[in-house]
Amino acid sequence: MRTLERVAVAAIVALGGLAALAHFDHWAAVAAFAAATLALAGSAWVVSFATEHVGERLGPAATGLLQATLGNLPELFVVVFALRAGELAVAQSAIVGSLFATSLLILGLVVIVGSVRAHDGVMRFDPRAPRDASTLLLVCVFIIVIVGLSLSAGNGASHHVKTISGIAAVALLVVYLLWVIPYVRRDAGARNPSAPARVGMVAAIALLVGAGVGAALVSDWFVDALRPAIHQLHISQAFAGLVIVAIAGNAVEQAVGVVLAARRRSDLAIAVVVNSVAQIAAFLFPALVLISLSMHTSLTFALHPLYIGALALTAVVVWKITDDGEGHPYEGWALVATYLVLAVIAIYD
């Protein structure tokens, strides 16, 4: 492990200790909330870092699957603890916000940085992998939108929210498996065992386990400090979930896409971000719906109409921007501007 990486891990461990002190020493709500937010973002980075090095022994596709699954641990824990605390608005806005933060904010920044770094001001990338991910995203988001519109219409279906959401969640997971299994098998021979590993397998697994446990603890402290903090700061639960939780629990991890774009690795930068968006919609959201069915507060696809419309438009925009294999600066700025408008709306929700 490089010296800078060791320093980063040590700093994140220190943030976790600070969050623990703030929780158990009963600091002021805003201070405890800030400490937990920083620790949550740090745990997301460590999970991503450790998963990357565990995946060095696997093919790129398997590594991507591992990153998508384990990289969402902090956000998964936040949503589960929020539901346990009865904070449905925070849980819904957090999972939907992770989609918006990645597909609008992070993808927008990737396109902007990639365009600036390109010699002719146009970011170019192989559109094949993004097309697969965009197709999966479109299918899954359309299922979510159809179910959400039906449940929000107040008709007979609205009286069976849990049942319909559960069936839709299973359908989404089946679609995800039908995509991901051939994807991993197709890439099974791409493993490069001769590549030198910066982090040993034992150390990477230890980091992964430690970060996973830390993410669970910090998520509990985060949710515990959430309500009094947002009351003192006069921000809405929707903004807390849509912006704060989404960025701390997901977008920090996906910032690697911006770094890759700055290094002119456009193909990988776009693939990382678009694949993450598809996997949040097709795996994390439905998995959380099924997990919540056994809880007092259930997560369903009966979303706010604003989220339903924004999800549908986001899926179309991601497809259109990545389908031609080119990214222009104005497209990136448009994505970032859209996210900022959603964030401002959430402040007053």
Protein backbone atom coordinates (compact mmCIF):
# COMPACT_ATOMS: atom_id res chain seq x y z
CA MET A 1 0.00 0.00 0.00
CA ARG A 2 1.33 3.42 -0.93
CA THR A 3 2.15 5.96 1.75
CA LEU A 4 -0.64 8.31 0.65
CA GLU A 5 -3.16 5.46 0.76
CA ARG A 6 -2.02 4.50 4.27
CA VAL A 7 -2.43 8.08 5.40
CA ALA A 8 -5.93 8.19 3.87
CA VAL A 9 -6.98 4.97 5.62
CA ALA A 10 -5.55 6.20 8.94
CA ALA A 11 -7.39 9.52 8.55
CA ILE A 12 -10.66 7.73 7.85
CA VAL A 13 -10.19 5.49 10.91
CA ALA A 14 -9.66 8.68 12.93
CA LEU A 15 -12.90 10.09 11.51
CA GLY A 16 -14.69 6.94 12.61
CA GLY A 17 -13.30 7.37 16.11
CA LEU A 18 -14.42 11.00 16.13
CA ALA A 19 -17.94 9.97 15.06
CA ALA A 20 -18.02 7.36 17.85
CA LEU A 21 -16.92 9.96 20.40
CA ALA A 22 -19.55 12.40 19.16
CA HIS A 23 -22.26 9.73 19.47
CA PHE A 24 -21.41 8.27 22.85
CA ASP A 25 -20.32 11.56 24.41
CA HIS A 26 -23.62 13.14 23.29
CA TRP A 27 -22.17 16.04 21.35
CA ALA A 28 -24.43 18.74 19.93
CA ALA A 29 -26.65 17.32 17.19
CA VAL A 30 -25.08 19.27 14.31
CA ALA A 31 -21.52 18.38 15.37
CA ALA A 32 -22.42 14.69 15.76
CA PHE A 33 -24.19 14.75 12.41
CA ALA A 34 -21.19 16.35 10.66
CA ALA A 35 -18.78 13.83 12.20
CA ALA A 36 -20.99 10.90 11.18
CA THR A 37 -21.36 12.28 7.63
CA LEU A 38 -17.59 12.55 7.15
CA ALA A 39 -17.06 9.08 8.63
CA LEU A 40 -19.76 7.67 6.34
CA ALA A 41 -18.08 9.14 3.27
CA GLY A 42 -14.74 7.77 4.46
CA SER A 43 -16.12 4.27 5.00
CA ALA A 44 -17.56 4.35 1.47
CA TRP A 45 -14.11 5.15 0.10
CA VAL A 46 -12.41 2.39 2.11
CA VAL A 47 -14.99 -0.19 0.97
CA SER A 48 -14.40 0.85 -2.65
CA PHE A 49 -10.59 0.82 -2.20
CA ALA A 50 -10.53 -2.61 -0.54
CA THR A 51 -12.96 -4.09 -3.06
CA GLU A 52 -10.80 -2.89 -5.95
CA HIS A 53 -7.77 -4.74 -4.57
CA VAL A 54 -9.69 -7.90 -3.73
CA GLY A 55 -10.95 -7.76 -7.31
CA GLU A 56 -7.41 -7.62 -8.74
CA ARG A 57 -7.49 -11.42 -8.52
CA LEU A 58 -10.66 -11.49 -10.63
CA GLY A 59 -11.63 -10.31 -14.09
CA PRO A 60 -12.76 -6.70 -14.66
CA ALA A 61 -16.45 -7.65 -14.87
CA ALA A 62 -16.36 -9.65 -11.63
CA THR A 63 -14.48 -6.79 -9.99
CA GLY A 64 -17.12 -4.34 -11.16
CA LEU A 65 -19.87 -6.57 -9.78
CA LEU A 66 -18.07 -6.84 -6.45
CA GLN A 67 -17.61 -3.07 -6.32
CA ALA A 68 -21.24 -2.44 -7.16
CA THR A 69 -22.44 -4.85 -4.48
CA LEU A 70 -20.07 -4.04 -1.62
CA GLY A 71 -19.55 -0.40 -2.54
CA ASN A 72 -23.19 0.28 -1.67
CA LEU A 73 -22.85 -1.10 1.89
CA PRO A 74 -22.81 2.34 3.61
CA GLU A 75 -25.90 3.49 1.76
CA LEU A 76 -27.68 0.16 2.36
CA PHE A 77 -27.07 0.48 6.10
CA VAL A 78 -28.26 4.10 6.14
CA VAL A 79 -31.54 3.16 4.44
CA VAL A 80 -32.10 0.14 6.72
CA PHE A 81 -31.45 2.16 9.89
CA ALA A 82 -33.61 5.02 8.59
CA LEU A 83 -36.49 2.60 8.02
CA ARG A 84 -35.96 1.12 11.47
CA ALA A 85 -36.23 4.63 12.90
CA GLY A 86 -39.41 5.28 10.90
CA GLU A 87 -37.71 7.84 8.61
CA LEU A 88 -39.38 6.76 5.36
CA ALA A 89 -38.82 10.11 3.61
CA VAL A 90 -35.08 9.92 4.31
CA ALA A 91 -34.89 6.28 3.16
CA GLN A 92 -36.73 6.94 -0.10
CA SER A 93 -34.86 10.13 -0.93
CA ALA A 94 -31.52 8.47 -0.06
CA ILE A 95 -31.89 5.59 -2.50
CA VAL A 96 -33.37 7.78 -5.24
CA GLY A 97 -30.81 10.47 -4.47
CA SER A 98 -27.98 8.01 -5.04
CA LEU A 99 -29.29 7.49 -8.57
CA PHE A 100 -29.46 11.23 -9.20
CA ALA A 101 -26.09 12.00 -7.60
CA THR A 102 -24.32 9.39 -9.70
CA SER A 103 -26.14 9.80 -13.00
CA LEU A 104 -26.38 13.60 -12.96
CA LEU A 105 -23.69 15.05 -10.70
CA ILE A 106 -20.89 12.50 -11.10
CA LEU A 107 -21.56 11.68 -14.76
CA GLY A 108 -21.75 15.41 -15.48
CA LEU A 109 -18.40 16.03 -13.79
CA VAL A 110 -16.86 13.09 -15.65
CA VAL A 111 -18.00 14.51 -19.00
CA ILE A 112 -16.77 18.01 -18.10
CA VAL A 113 -13.35 16.83 -16.92
CA GLY A 114 -12.99 14.36 -19.80
CA SER A 115 -13.83 17.07 -22.33
CA VAL A 116 -11.38 19.54 -20.81
CA ARG A 117 -8.62 16.94 -20.86
CA ALA A 118 -9.34 15.93 -24.47
CA HIS A 119 -7.19 17.56 -27.14
CA ASP A 120 -10.15 18.72 -29.21
CA GLY A 121 -12.56 19.42 -26.33
CA VAL A 122 -14.69 16.32 -26.95
CA MET A 123 -14.60 13.28 -24.66
CA ARG A 124 -14.66 10.09 -26.75
CA PHE A 125 -15.30 6.59 -25.45
CA ASP A 126 -16.41 3.14 -26.61
CA PRO A 127 -20.22 3.20 -26.37
CA ARG A 128 -20.75 -0.58 -26.22
CA ALA A 129 -20.50 -1.09 -22.44
CA PRO A 130 -22.46 2.10 -21.62
CA ARG A 131 -25.18 1.01 -24.06
CA ASP A 132 -25.66 -2.28 -22.17
CA ALA A 133 -25.82 -0.47 -18.85
CA SER A 134 -28.13 2.23 -20.24
CA THR A 135 -30.52 -0.39 -21.61
CA LEU A 136 -30.62 -2.10 -18.22
CA LEU A 137 -31.17 1.25 -16.52
CA LEU A 138 -34.01 2.17 -18.89
CA VAL A 139 -35.81 -1.15 -18.38
CA CYS A 140 -35.50 -1.02 -14.60
CA VAL A 141 -36.43 2.64 -14.25
CA PHE A 142 -39.45 2.17 -16.50
CA ILE A 143 -40.64 -0.67 -14.25
CA ILE A 144 -40.14 1.56 -11.19
CA VAL A 145 -41.96 4.45 -12.90
CA ILE A 146 -44.92 2.30 -14.01
CA VAL A 147 -45.36 0.82 -10.54
CA GLY A 148 -44.88 4.19 -8.86
CA LEU A 149 -47.43 5.92 -11.09
CA SER A 150 -49.95 3.13 -10.52
CA LEU A 151 -49.52 3.24 -6.76
CA SER A 152 -49.67 7.04 -6.68
CA ALA A 153 -52.88 7.21 -8.72
CA GLY A 154 -55.10 6.31 -5.78
CA ASN A 155 -56.84 3.47 -7.65
CA GLY A 156 -57.32 -0.13 -6.54
CA ALA A 157 -53.63 -0.88 -6.90
CA SER A 158 -52.79 1.72 -4.27
CA HIS A 159 -54.30 -0.54 -1.59
CA HIS A 160 -51.73 -3.26 -2.34
CA VAL A 161 -48.53 -1.21 -2.24
CA LYS A 162 -46.39 -3.78 -0.43
CA THR A 163 -47.49 -6.71 -2.60
CA ILE A 164 -46.98 -4.89 -5.89
CA SER A 165 -43.63 -3.46 -4.78
CA GLY A 166 -42.45 -6.89 -3.64
CA ILE A 167 -43.37 -8.51 -6.97
CA ALA A 168 -41.76 -5.67 -8.92
CA ALA A 169 -38.61 -5.96 -6.80
CA VAL A 170 -38.31 -9.66 -7.59
CA ALA A 171 -38.84 -8.92 -11.29
CA LEU A 172 -36.09 -6.28 -11.23
CA LEU A 173 -33.66 -8.63 -9.52
CA VAL A 174 -34.38 -11.33 -12.12
CA VAL A 175 -33.66 -8.84 -14.91
CA TYR A 176 -30.44 -7.88 -13.15
CA LEU A 177 -29.30 -11.50 -12.83
CA LEU A 178 -30.14 -12.21 -16.48
CA TRP A 179 -27.82 -9.35 -17.41
CA VAL A 180 -25.01 -9.77 -14.92
CA ILE A 181 -24.37 -13.53 -15.17
CA PRO A 182 -23.55 -13.53 -18.92
CA TYR A 183 -21.64 -10.29 -18.40
CA VAL A 184 -19.33 -11.86 -15.81
CA ARG A 185 -18.94 -15.12 -17.77
CA ARG A 186 -18.05 -13.22 -20.92
CA ASP A 187 -15.22 -11.53 -19.07
CA ALA A 188 -14.04 -14.56 -17.10
CA GLY A 189 -10.88 -14.96 -19.18
CA ALA A 190 -9.75 -11.36 -18.73
CA ARG A 191 -8.05 -11.98 -15.38
CA ASN A 192 -4.42 -10.89 -15.24
CA PRO A 193 -2.69 -12.89 -12.48
CA SER A 194 0.72 -11.45 -13.38
CA ALA A 195 -0.30 -7.91 -12.49
CA PRO A 196 1.41 -6.79 -9.27
CA ALA A 197 -0.96 -6.14 -6.37
CA ARG A 198 -0.34 -3.05 -4.24
CA VAL A 199 -2.33 -4.54 -1.37
CA GLY A 200 -2.16 -8.18 -0.26
CA MET A 201 -5.31 -10.28 -0.24
CA VAL A 202 -5.35 -10.64 3.56
CA ALA A 203 -4.92 -6.90 4.07
CA ALA A 204 -7.59 -6.08 1.46
CA ILE A 205 -10.11 -8.48 3.05
CA ALA A 206 -9.32 -7.10 6.52
CA LEU A 207 -9.92 -3.56 5.23
CA LEU A 208 -13.15 -4.65 3.59
CA VAL A 209 -14.49 -6.34 6.73
CA GLY A 210 -13.42 -3.43 8.93
CA ALA A 211 -14.97 -0.88 6.59
CA GLY A 212 -18.20 -2.88 6.38
CA VAL A 213 -18.52 -3.07 10.17
CA GLY A 214 -17.58 0.60 10.44
CA ALA A 215 -20.18 1.54 7.84
CA ALA A 216 -22.88 -0.26 9.84
CA LEU A 217 -21.94 1.51 13.07
CA VAL A 218 -21.53 4.94 11.50
CA SER A 219 -24.85 4.59 9.64
CA ASP A 220 -26.63 3.97 12.94
CA TRP A 221 -24.99 7.05 14.49
CA PHE A 222 -25.75 9.08 11.37
CA VAL A 223 -29.47 8.28 11.47
CA ASP A 224 -29.57 8.87 15.23
CA ALA A 225 -28.21 12.41 14.78
CA LEU A 226 -30.23 13.10 11.64
CA ARG A 227 -33.57 14.33 12.98
CA PRO A 228 -32.26 16.80 15.61
CA ALA A 229 -29.59 18.05 13.19
CA ILE A 230 -31.95 18.79 10.32
CA HIS A 231 -34.31 20.46 12.80
CA GLN A 232 -31.53 22.79 14.01
CA LEU A 233 -30.24 23.41 10.47
CA HIS A 234 -33.79 23.98 9.15
CA ILE A 235 -33.35 21.60 6.21
CA SER A 236 -35.87 19.08 4.97
CA GLN A 237 -35.67 15.31 5.30
CA ALA A 238 -35.83 15.14 1.50
CA PHE A 239 -32.72 17.31 1.17
CA ALA A 240 -30.89 15.28 3.81
CA GLY A 241 -31.56 12.09 1.89
CA LEU A 242 -31.38 13.39 -1.68
CA VAL A 243 -28.14 15.34 -1.24
CA ILE A 244 -26.28 14.66 2.02
CA VAL A 245 -26.80 10.89 2.29
CA ALA A 246 -26.50 10.36 -1.46
CA ILE A 247 -23.19 12.19 -1.75
CA ALA A 248 -21.67 10.84 1.48
CA GLY A 249 -22.76 7.25 0.91
CA ASN A 250 -22.42 6.91 -2.85
CA ALA A 251 -21.03 9.81 -4.84
CA VAL A 252 -17.73 9.89 -2.90
CA GLU A 253 -17.10 6.32 -3.98
CA GLN A 254 -17.97 7.14 -7.60
CA ALA A 255 -15.62 10.15 -7.68
CA VAL A 256 -13.07 7.65 -9.02
CA GLY A 257 -14.80 8.18 -12.36
CA VAL A 258 -13.75 11.84 -12.33
CA VAL A 259 -10.15 10.82 -11.58
CA LEU A 260 -10.19 8.35 -14.48
CA ALA A 261 -11.56 11.05 -16.80
CA ALA A 262 -8.75 13.39 -15.73
CA ARG A 263 -6.28 10.65 -16.68
CA ARG A 264 -7.89 10.40 -20.13
CA ARG A 265 -9.19 6.88 -19.42
CA SER A 266 -12.56 7.82 -20.90
CA ASP A 267 -13.87 4.31 -21.60
CA LEU A 268 -13.40 3.16 -18.02
CA ALA A 269 -14.61 6.45 -16.50
CA ILE A 270 -17.94 6.34 -18.33
CA ALA A 271 -18.39 2.60 -17.74
CA VAL A 272 -17.78 2.90 -14.00
CA VAL A 273 -20.42 5.59 -13.55
CA VAL A 274 -23.10 4.22 -15.88
CA ASN A 275 -22.72 0.66 -14.55
CA SER A 276 -23.07 1.96 -11.01
CA VAL A 277 -26.31 3.78 -11.86
CA ALA A 278 -27.78 0.67 -13.49
CA GLN A 279 -26.82 -1.53 -10.54
CA ILE A 280 -28.33 0.84 -7.98
CA ALA A 281 -31.62 0.78 -9.89
CA ALA A 282 -31.63 -2.94 -10.68
CA PHE A 283 -30.08 -4.40 -7.54
CA LEU A 284 -29.84 -2.10 -4.52
CA PHE A 285 -33.31 -0.51 -4.72
CA PRO A 286 -35.27 -3.77 -5.18
CA ALA A 287 -33.10 -5.56 -2.60
CA LEU A 288 -33.91 -2.87 -0.04
CA VAL A 289 -37.62 -3.12 -0.91
CA LEU A 290 -37.56 -6.85 -0.13
CA ILE A 291 -35.50 -6.37 3.04
CA SER A 292 -37.94 -3.74 4.31
CA LEU A 293 -41.00 -5.99 3.93
CA SER A 294 -40.17 -7.56 7.28
CA MET A 295 -39.85 -4.15 9.00
CA HIS A 296 -42.43 -1.89 10.59
CA THR A 297 -41.71 0.84 8.01
CA SER A 298 -41.55 -0.53 4.47
CA LEU A 299 -39.77 0.93 1.47
CA THR A 300 -41.93 0.73 -1.66
CA PHE A 301 -42.00 2.05 -5.21
CA ALA A 302 -44.77 4.52 -4.31
CA LEU A 303 -42.48 7.50 -4.78
CA HIS A 304 -43.12 11.24 -4.86
CA PRO A 305 -44.33 12.25 -8.37
CA LEU A 306 -41.27 14.55 -8.69
CA TYR A 307 -38.94 11.57 -8.20
CA ILE A 308 -40.90 9.42 -10.63
CA GLY A 309 -40.68 12.01 -13.39
CA ALA A 310 -37.04 12.79 -12.65
CA LEU A 311 -36.10 9.08 -12.73
CA ALA A 312 -37.72 8.60 -16.13
CA LEU A 313 -36.01 11.66 -17.61
CA THR A 314 -32.66 10.74 -16.03
CA ALA A 315 -32.69 7.29 -17.64
CA VAL A 316 -33.38 8.82 -21.06
CA VAL A 317 -30.71 11.51 -20.63
CA VAL A 318 -28.02 9.00 -19.56
CA TRP A 319 -28.85 6.88 -22.61
CA LYS A 320 -28.74 9.81 -25.03
CA ILE A 321 -25.47 11.24 -23.70
CA THR A 322 -23.58 7.93 -23.69
CA ASP A 323 -25.07 6.31 -26.81
CA ASP A 324 -23.03 8.25 -29.39
CA GLY A 325 -19.66 7.67 -27.70
CA GLU A 326 -19.00 11.39 -27.30
CA GLY A 327 -19.27 13.79 -24.39
CA HIS A 328 -19.36 17.57 -24.83
CA PRO A 329 -18.82 20.14 -22.06
CA TYR A 330 -22.35 21.57 -22.33
CA GLU A 331 -23.79 18.08 -21.76
CA GLY A 332 -21.82 17.74 -18.55
CA TRP A 333 -22.84 21.18 -17.32
CA ALA A 334 -26.47 20.42 -18.17
CA LEU A 335 -26.35 17.26 -16.02
CA VAL A 336 -24.80 19.12 -13.09
CA ALA A 337 -27.32 21.96 -13.42
CA THR A 338 -30.20 19.48 -13.37
CA TYR A 339 -28.90 17.95 -10.15
CA LEU A 340 -28.56 21.39 -8.57
CA VAL A 341 -32.18 22.20 -9.45
CA LEU A 342 -33.35 18.94 -7.86
CA ALA A 343 -31.31 19.74 -4.75
CA VAL A 344 -32.85 23.22 -4.49
CA ILE A 345 -36.36 21.77 -4.86
CA ALA A 346 -35.57 19.25 -2.11
CA ILE A 347 -34.66 22.11 0.27
CA TYR A 348 -38.25 23.33 0.14
CA ASP A 349 -39.92 19.91 -0.02
